[in-house]
Amino acid sequence: MKKLPILHIILIVLLVGVIAFGFFANQKKTNTIDKNLIQTGTITNTGISETNSLYEAEQKQLQEKMDSYTTYNTAVDTLDITLCEKIINNDTLKKKCTDNVYSAQAAKNKDATLCEKIQDTKTKAHCANNFIYEAITSSGNIADCSKITGDDALKNTCTKNIVFAQIESTSFSGTTNTCDSLTGADKDYCINRIKKNTDVELLQKWTNTKDINICKQIADLSMKNTCSDTIYMTLALEQKNASLCTKIVDTARKTNCTTQFVRINDVNILQKALAENNLSLCSTITTPDLKIKCNDSILLKQWVANKDNTLCLKIHDIGTQKQCSDAVKLRLEQTK
């Protein structure tokens, strides 16, 4: 192998050294620049600085929203319209805030003019309708309910309440035509209520006249039967006509009517038995307490007359039996 001259070797070594020095010097400079850029946040290989910026922006927006809703709630609670102006970056919420505050102020101060300051059409109508409704409630003019706009529920409530107030009034003298402006269950209630009022009036009229024909005009079946049953009971007792009891519809009232006549008959038998001192008549009495009274009273009278001590044992009533026994003891003591 041919050897290179020493001079050539030296030149080659120097050239390699220069190249190596230049490479390392350039690498160090690049690393220094990258480090400075990372520290200033101007550039990054991983995107960390950019992510931090987005997170901070989102957090700021979220905080602004929270602050806006807090301001909104405070404004509505305190009715402070100036707080609504402090809501930023949310015009919809700011508008809603002012509308609700004006609506609440109008209701509190009973000032309908404040409704005109409301921007939202529906909220403004609701505010105005409330004042219309209150006025109608005071006047009782059902025709004014038509002035309520954009709120069918409130309009229906207005009509219903006016009609119900009319039919509940003691001075009401109308017919079921009063219910024509109502619908569904409200109309059914209205009609039934008027019929009931009419029935009560007829029942009161019957009380004064005792006319069975009035009962026939009553619509409610239960009330109609009560009317007629009471009349037949009254007439049966007044006329002493037991046959009228059979015309009574209610079973309990019919039994009571019949029982009344049985008792009246038993009282007559009792009086006759006591007057005649006839113990056998007592057995024809069907009312239990009257039969016992008849039996015991006559036995006591017979003991007094006959001084028969065994008669006391036949007495049913304990008090009367004791009275008899005490009398026996007294008689025995007097004879000693």
Protein backbone atom coordinates (compact mmCIF):
# COMPACT_ATOMS: atom_id res chain seq x y z
CA MET A 1 0.00 0.00 0.00
CA LYS A 2 1.29 3.43 -0.89
CA LYS A 3 1.70 5.75 2.04
CA LEU A 4 0.39 9.28 1.94
CA PRO A 5 2.78 12.10 2.48
CA ILE A 6 2.76 13.48 6.01
CA LEU A 7 1.56 16.85 4.77
CA HIS A 8 -1.51 15.29 3.19
CA ILE A 9 -2.36 13.48 6.39
CA ILE A 10 -2.10 16.70 8.39
CA LEU A 11 -4.39 18.52 5.94
CA ILE A 12 -6.97 15.75 6.08
CA VAL A 13 -7.00 15.80 9.91
CA LEU A 14 -7.43 19.58 9.95
CA LEU A 15 -10.34 19.39 7.47
CA VAL A 16 -12.15 16.76 9.50
CA GLY A 17 -11.68 18.81 12.66
CA VAL A 18 -13.13 21.95 11.05
CA ILE A 19 -16.17 20.03 9.81
CA ALA A 20 -16.80 18.46 13.22
CA PHE A 21 -16.44 21.79 15.02
CA GLY A 22 -18.90 23.43 12.67
CA PHE A 23 -21.52 20.66 13.18
CA PHE A 24 -21.42 20.77 16.97
CA ALA A 25 -21.45 24.55 17.06
CA ASN A 26 -24.57 24.66 14.85
CA GLN A 27 -26.37 21.99 16.94
CA LYS A 28 -25.75 23.94 20.14
CA LYS A 29 -27.14 27.11 18.58
CA THR A 30 -30.27 25.27 17.42
CA ASN A 31 -30.89 23.80 20.85
CA THR A 32 -30.50 27.23 22.43
CA ILE A 33 -33.05 28.75 20.01
CA ASP A 34 -35.58 25.91 20.64
CA LYS A 35 -35.22 26.31 24.39
CA ASN A 36 -35.83 30.06 24.24
CA LEU A 37 -38.85 29.61 21.99
CA ILE A 38 -40.35 27.02 24.33
CA GLN A 39 -39.83 29.30 27.34
CA THR A 40 -41.56 32.24 25.64
CA GLY A 41 -44.44 30.06 24.43
CA THR A 42 -43.90 31.09 20.84
CA ILE A 43 -43.49 27.59 19.53
CA THR A 44 -43.75 24.04 20.80
CA ASN A 45 -43.32 20.60 19.39
CA THR A 46 -45.98 19.03 21.70
CA GLY A 47 -48.76 21.70 21.50
CA ILE A 48 -48.86 22.20 25.30
CA SER A 49 -48.85 26.00 25.12
CA GLU A 50 -51.68 26.06 22.58
CA THR A 51 -53.82 23.70 24.73
CA ASN A 52 -53.31 25.84 27.81
CA SER A 53 -54.51 28.90 25.92
CA LEU A 54 -57.72 27.17 24.76
CA TYR A 55 -58.46 25.87 28.27
CA GLU A 56 -58.02 29.30 29.78
CA ALA A 57 -60.37 30.82 27.16
CA GLU A 58 -63.05 28.21 27.86
CA GLN A 59 -62.76 28.76 31.59
CA LYS A 60 -63.13 32.48 31.09
CA GLN A 61 -66.29 32.03 28.99
CA LEU A 62 -67.77 29.65 31.55
CA GLN A 63 -67.10 32.09 34.37
CA GLU A 64 -68.72 34.91 32.38
CA LYS A 65 -71.85 32.77 31.89
CA MET A 66 -72.00 31.95 35.60
CA ASP A 67 -71.58 35.58 36.52
CA SER A 68 -74.30 36.59 34.05
CA TYR A 69 -76.85 34.13 35.48
CA THR A 70 -75.98 35.16 39.02
CA THR A 71 -76.57 38.79 38.06
CA TYR A 72 -79.83 37.82 36.34
CA ASN A 73 -81.16 36.01 39.43
CA THR A 74 -80.19 38.86 41.71
CA ALA A 75 -81.87 41.40 39.43
CA VAL A 76 -85.13 39.43 39.34
CA ASP A 77 -85.08 38.81 43.09
CA THR A 78 -84.40 42.44 44.00
CA LEU A 79 -86.31 43.98 41.03
CA ASP A 80 -83.21 46.06 40.27
CA ILE A 81 -83.34 46.84 36.54
CA THR A 82 -79.82 48.35 36.59
CA LEU A 83 -78.28 44.95 37.30
CA CYS A 84 -79.56 43.66 33.96
CA GLU A 85 -77.22 46.09 32.18
CA LYS A 86 -74.25 44.38 33.84
CA ILE A 87 -74.89 41.16 31.93
CA ILE A 88 -72.21 40.93 29.24
CA ASN A 89 -71.87 38.88 26.06
CA ASN A 90 -75.43 37.54 26.39
CA ASP A 91 -78.02 39.87 24.87
CA THR A 92 -80.78 37.24 25.07
CA LEU A 93 -80.34 36.86 28.81
CA LYS A 94 -80.11 40.63 29.27
CA LYS A 95 -83.41 41.09 27.40
CA LYS A 96 -85.07 38.35 29.43
CA CYS A 97 -83.77 39.96 32.62
CA THR A 98 -85.25 43.40 31.86
CA ASP A 99 -88.57 41.90 30.71
CA ASN A 100 -89.02 39.82 33.86
CA VAL A 101 -88.01 42.66 36.17
CA TYR A 102 -90.49 45.05 34.51
CA SER A 103 -93.20 42.37 34.70
CA ALA A 104 -92.54 41.79 38.40
CA GLN A 105 -92.43 45.53 39.10
CA ALA A 106 -95.75 46.00 37.32
CA ALA A 107 -97.41 43.31 39.44
CA LYS A 108 -95.90 44.60 42.69
CA ASN A 109 -96.65 48.26 42.09
CA LYS A 110 -99.94 47.59 40.27
CA ASP A 111 -98.66 49.76 37.44
CA ALA A 112 -99.87 48.55 34.03
CA THR A 113 -97.72 51.12 32.20
CA LEU A 114 -94.61 49.11 33.06
CA CYS A 115 -95.90 46.32 30.83
CA GLU A 116 -95.26 48.55 27.82
CA LYS A 117 -91.52 48.49 28.54
CA ILE A 118 -91.38 44.72 28.04
CA GLN A 119 -89.83 43.69 24.71
CA ASP A 120 -90.93 40.05 24.43
CA THR A 121 -94.42 39.92 22.91
CA LYS A 122 -95.64 36.94 24.94
CA THR A 123 -94.31 38.31 28.24
CA LYS A 124 -95.84 41.72 27.52
CA ALA A 125 -99.24 40.17 26.74
CA HIS A 126 -99.12 38.09 29.92
CA CYS A 127 -98.34 41.18 31.97
CA ALA A 128 -101.20 43.17 30.43
CA ASN A 129 -103.63 40.23 30.65
CA ASN A 130 -103.14 39.98 34.39
CA PHE A 131 -104.35 43.55 34.83
CA ILE A 132 -107.32 42.91 32.53
CA TYR A 133 -108.20 39.76 34.48
CA GLU A 134 -108.12 41.56 37.84
CA ALA A 135 -110.38 44.30 36.50
CA ILE A 136 -112.88 41.76 35.14
CA THR A 137 -112.89 39.89 38.46
CA SER A 138 -113.90 43.09 40.19
CA SER A 139 -116.52 44.15 37.64
CA GLY A 140 -117.98 40.70 36.98
CA ASN A 141 -118.49 41.58 33.31
CA ILE A 142 -117.95 38.29 31.49
CA ALA A 143 -117.87 40.00 28.07
CA ASP A 144 -114.55 41.64 29.02
CA CYS A 145 -112.85 38.23 29.16
CA SER A 146 -112.55 38.49 25.36
CA LYS A 147 -110.06 41.32 25.89
CA ILE A 148 -107.51 38.77 27.10
CA THR A 149 -105.24 37.98 24.14
CA GLY A 150 -102.61 35.33 23.49
CA ASP A 151 -103.52 33.30 26.57
CA ASP A 152 -106.45 30.95 26.01
CA ALA A 153 -105.96 29.28 29.40
CA LEU A 154 -106.34 32.59 31.26
CA LYS A 155 -109.30 33.57 29.07
CA ASN A 156 -111.07 30.28 29.89
CA THR A 157 -110.28 30.70 33.59
CA CYS A 158 -111.72 34.21 33.45
CA THR A 159 -114.97 33.00 31.88
CA LYS A 160 -115.28 30.03 34.24
CA ASN A 161 -114.70 32.06 37.41
CA ILE A 162 -117.21 34.75 36.41
CA VAL A 163 -119.90 32.15 35.62
CA PHE A 164 -119.24 30.19 38.82
CA ALA A 165 -119.41 33.39 40.87
CA GLN A 166 -122.79 34.17 39.29
CA ILE A 167 -124.38 30.78 39.96
CA GLU A 168 -123.08 30.68 43.54
CA SER A 169 -124.59 34.07 44.32
CA THR A 170 -127.67 33.99 46.55
CA SER A 171 -129.33 36.49 44.18
CA PHE A 172 -128.86 34.26 41.11
CA SER A 173 -132.13 33.60 39.30
CA GLY A 174 -130.92 32.52 35.87
CA THR A 175 -131.26 29.26 33.97
CA THR A 176 -128.82 26.68 32.65
CA ASN A 177 -128.27 29.01 29.64
CA THR A 178 -125.79 30.79 31.89
CA CYS A 179 -123.48 27.80 31.34
CA ASP A 180 -123.39 28.14 27.52
CA SER A 181 -120.02 29.93 27.52
CA LEU A 182 -118.37 26.96 29.26
CA THR A 183 -117.28 23.58 27.90
CA GLY A 184 -116.62 20.04 29.11
CA ALA A 185 -116.59 19.28 32.83
CA ASP A 186 -116.98 22.96 33.73
CA LYS A 187 -120.24 23.18 31.80
CA ASP A 188 -121.53 19.94 33.34
CA TYR A 189 -120.77 21.21 36.84
CA CYS A 190 -122.46 24.53 36.08
CA ILE A 191 -125.66 22.90 34.81
CA ASN A 192 -125.84 20.45 37.72
CA ARG A 193 -125.20 23.24 40.21
CA ILE A 194 -128.06 25.34 38.83
CA LYS A 195 -130.37 22.34 38.85
CA LYS A 196 -129.39 21.64 42.44
CA ASN A 197 -130.11 25.24 43.42
CA THR A 198 -133.50 24.94 41.77
CA ASP A 199 -134.16 21.69 43.60
CA VAL A 200 -133.27 23.27 46.94
CA GLU A 201 -135.64 26.14 46.25
CA LEU A 202 -138.42 23.68 45.40
CA LEU A 203 -137.70 21.70 48.55
CA GLN A 204 -137.92 24.85 50.62
CA LYS A 205 -141.16 25.74 48.88
CA TRP A 206 -142.55 22.28 49.70
CA THR A 207 -141.74 22.84 53.38
CA ASN A 208 -144.20 25.69 53.41
CA THR A 209 -146.92 24.15 51.23
CA LYS A 210 -146.60 20.35 51.67
CA ASP A 211 -147.66 20.03 48.03
CA ILE A 212 -146.65 16.66 46.57
CA ASN A 213 -146.73 18.15 43.05
CA ILE A 214 -143.75 20.35 43.90
CA CYS A 215 -141.67 17.24 44.62
CA LYS A 216 -142.31 16.01 41.08
CA GLN A 217 -140.52 19.09 39.69
CA ILE A 218 -137.26 18.28 41.49
CA ALA A 219 -134.60 16.91 39.11
CA ASP A 220 -132.33 15.20 41.64
CA LEU A 221 -133.80 11.74 42.30
CA SER A 222 -132.55 11.46 45.88
CA MET A 223 -133.88 14.91 46.77
CA LYS A 224 -137.16 14.19 44.98
CA ASN A 225 -137.67 10.98 47.00
CA THR A 226 -136.82 12.77 50.25
CA CYS A 227 -139.42 15.40 49.42
CA SER A 228 -142.23 12.96 48.61
CA ASP A 229 -141.37 10.52 51.42
CA THR A 230 -141.46 13.29 54.01
CA ILE A 231 -144.81 14.53 52.74
CA TYR A 232 -146.38 11.06 52.86
CA MET A 233 -144.99 10.51 56.38
CA THR A 234 -146.38 13.84 57.57
CA LEU A 235 -149.78 13.30 55.99
CA ALA A 236 -149.98 9.72 57.29
CA LEU A 237 -149.46 10.86 60.89
CA GLU A 238 -151.68 13.92 60.56
CA GLN A 239 -154.51 11.97 58.96
CA LYS A 240 -153.80 8.79 60.96
CA ASN A 241 -153.77 6.93 57.68
CA ALA A 242 -151.28 4.05 57.74
CA SER A 243 -151.90 3.26 54.06
CA LEU A 244 -149.92 6.37 53.08
CA CYS A 245 -146.77 4.68 54.44
CA THR A 246 -146.82 2.29 51.48
CA LYS A 247 -146.19 5.22 49.10
CA ILE A 248 -142.85 5.98 50.75
CA VAL A 249 -139.90 4.99 48.50
CA ASP A 250 -137.00 4.77 50.97
CA THR A 251 -137.09 1.46 52.88
CA ALA A 252 -135.86 2.91 56.19
CA ARG A 253 -138.35 5.78 56.06
CA LYS A 254 -141.17 3.42 55.12
CA THR A 255 -140.34 1.17 58.09
CA ASN A 256 -140.22 4.18 60.37
CA CYS A 257 -143.63 5.30 59.14
CA THR A 258 -145.13 1.86 59.74
CA THR A 259 -143.47 1.61 63.14
CA GLN A 260 -144.92 4.97 64.12
CA PHE A 261 -148.44 3.68 63.49
CA VAL A 262 -147.77 0.43 65.30
CA ARG A 263 -146.50 2.36 68.30
CA ILE A 264 -149.52 4.68 68.25
CA ASN A 265 -151.78 1.63 68.23
CA ASP A 266 -149.78 0.01 71.05
CA VAL A 267 -150.01 3.18 73.14
CA ASN A 268 -153.78 3.06 72.79
CA ILE A 269 -153.81 -0.60 73.90
CA LEU A 270 -151.55 0.24 76.85
CA GLN A 271 -153.83 3.00 78.01
CA LYS A 272 -156.86 0.72 77.72
CA ALA A 273 -155.11 -2.16 79.53
CA LEU A 274 -154.08 0.07 82.43
CA ALA A 275 -157.53 1.62 82.65
CA GLU A 276 -159.20 -1.79 82.75
CA ASN A 277 -156.40 -3.48 84.74
CA ASN A 278 -156.46 -6.08 81.97
CA LEU A 279 -153.22 -8.05 81.85
CA SER A 280 -154.26 -10.08 78.80
CA LEU A 281 -154.39 -6.95 76.64
CA CYS A 282 -150.67 -6.44 77.21
CA SER A 283 -149.89 -9.53 75.15
CA THR A 284 -151.41 -7.86 72.07
CA ILE A 285 -148.87 -5.04 72.19
CA THR A 286 -146.03 -5.53 69.64
CA THR A 287 -143.70 -2.72 70.72
CA PRO A 288 -141.32 -4.39 73.21
CA ASP A 289 -140.84 -1.53 75.68
CA LEU A 290 -144.57 -0.76 75.77
CA LYS A 291 -145.46 -4.41 76.30
CA ILE A 292 -143.09 -4.64 79.29
CA LYS A 293 -144.42 -1.39 80.71
CA CYS A 294 -147.99 -2.64 80.35
CA ASN A 295 -147.24 -6.01 81.96
CA ASP A 296 -145.17 -4.65 84.87
CA SER A 297 -147.53 -1.81 85.69
CA ILE A 298 -150.56 -4.10 85.95
CA LEU A 299 -148.67 -6.74 87.99
CA LEU A 300 -147.59 -4.06 90.44
CA LYS A 301 -151.18 -2.81 90.73
CA GLN A 302 -152.41 -6.36 91.27
CA TRP A 303 -149.87 -6.98 94.03
CA VAL A 304 -150.99 -3.83 95.81
CA ALA A 305 -154.58 -4.97 95.54
CA ASN A 306 -154.07 -8.66 96.35
CA LYS A 307 -150.87 -8.55 98.43
CA ASP A 308 -149.57 -11.49 96.35
CA ASN A 309 -145.79 -11.63 96.80
CA THR A 310 -145.27 -14.00 93.86
CA LEU A 311 -146.37 -11.33 91.43
CA CYS A 312 -143.11 -9.42 91.95
CA LEU A 313 -141.18 -12.26 90.33
CA LYS A 314 -143.19 -11.89 87.12
CA ILE A 315 -142.18 -8.26 86.67
CA HIS A 316 -139.60 -7.77 83.84
CA ASP A 317 -138.26 -4.30 84.56
CA ILE A 318 -135.59 -4.54 87.27
CA GLY A 319 -136.46 -1.17 88.74
CA THR A 320 -140.17 -1.99 88.96
CA GLN A 321 -139.38 -5.44 90.36
CA LYS A 322 -137.24 -3.89 93.08
CA GLN A 323 -140.01 -1.43 93.85
CA CYS A 324 -142.36 -4.36 94.27
CA SER A 325 -139.92 -6.32 96.43
CA ASP A 326 -139.25 -3.33 98.67
CA ALA A 327 -142.97 -2.91 99.15
CA VAL A 328 -143.25 -6.57 100.08
CA LYS A 329 -140.46 -6.24 102.68
CA LEU A 330 -142.09 -3.15 104.13
CA ARG A 331 -145.42 -4.94 104.39
CA LEU A 332 -143.79 -7.92 106.13
CA GLU A 333 -142.03 -5.66 108.62
CA GLN A 334 -145.28 -3.91 109.38
CA THR A 335 -147.05 -7.18 110.09
CA LYS A 336 -144.46 -8.41 112.59
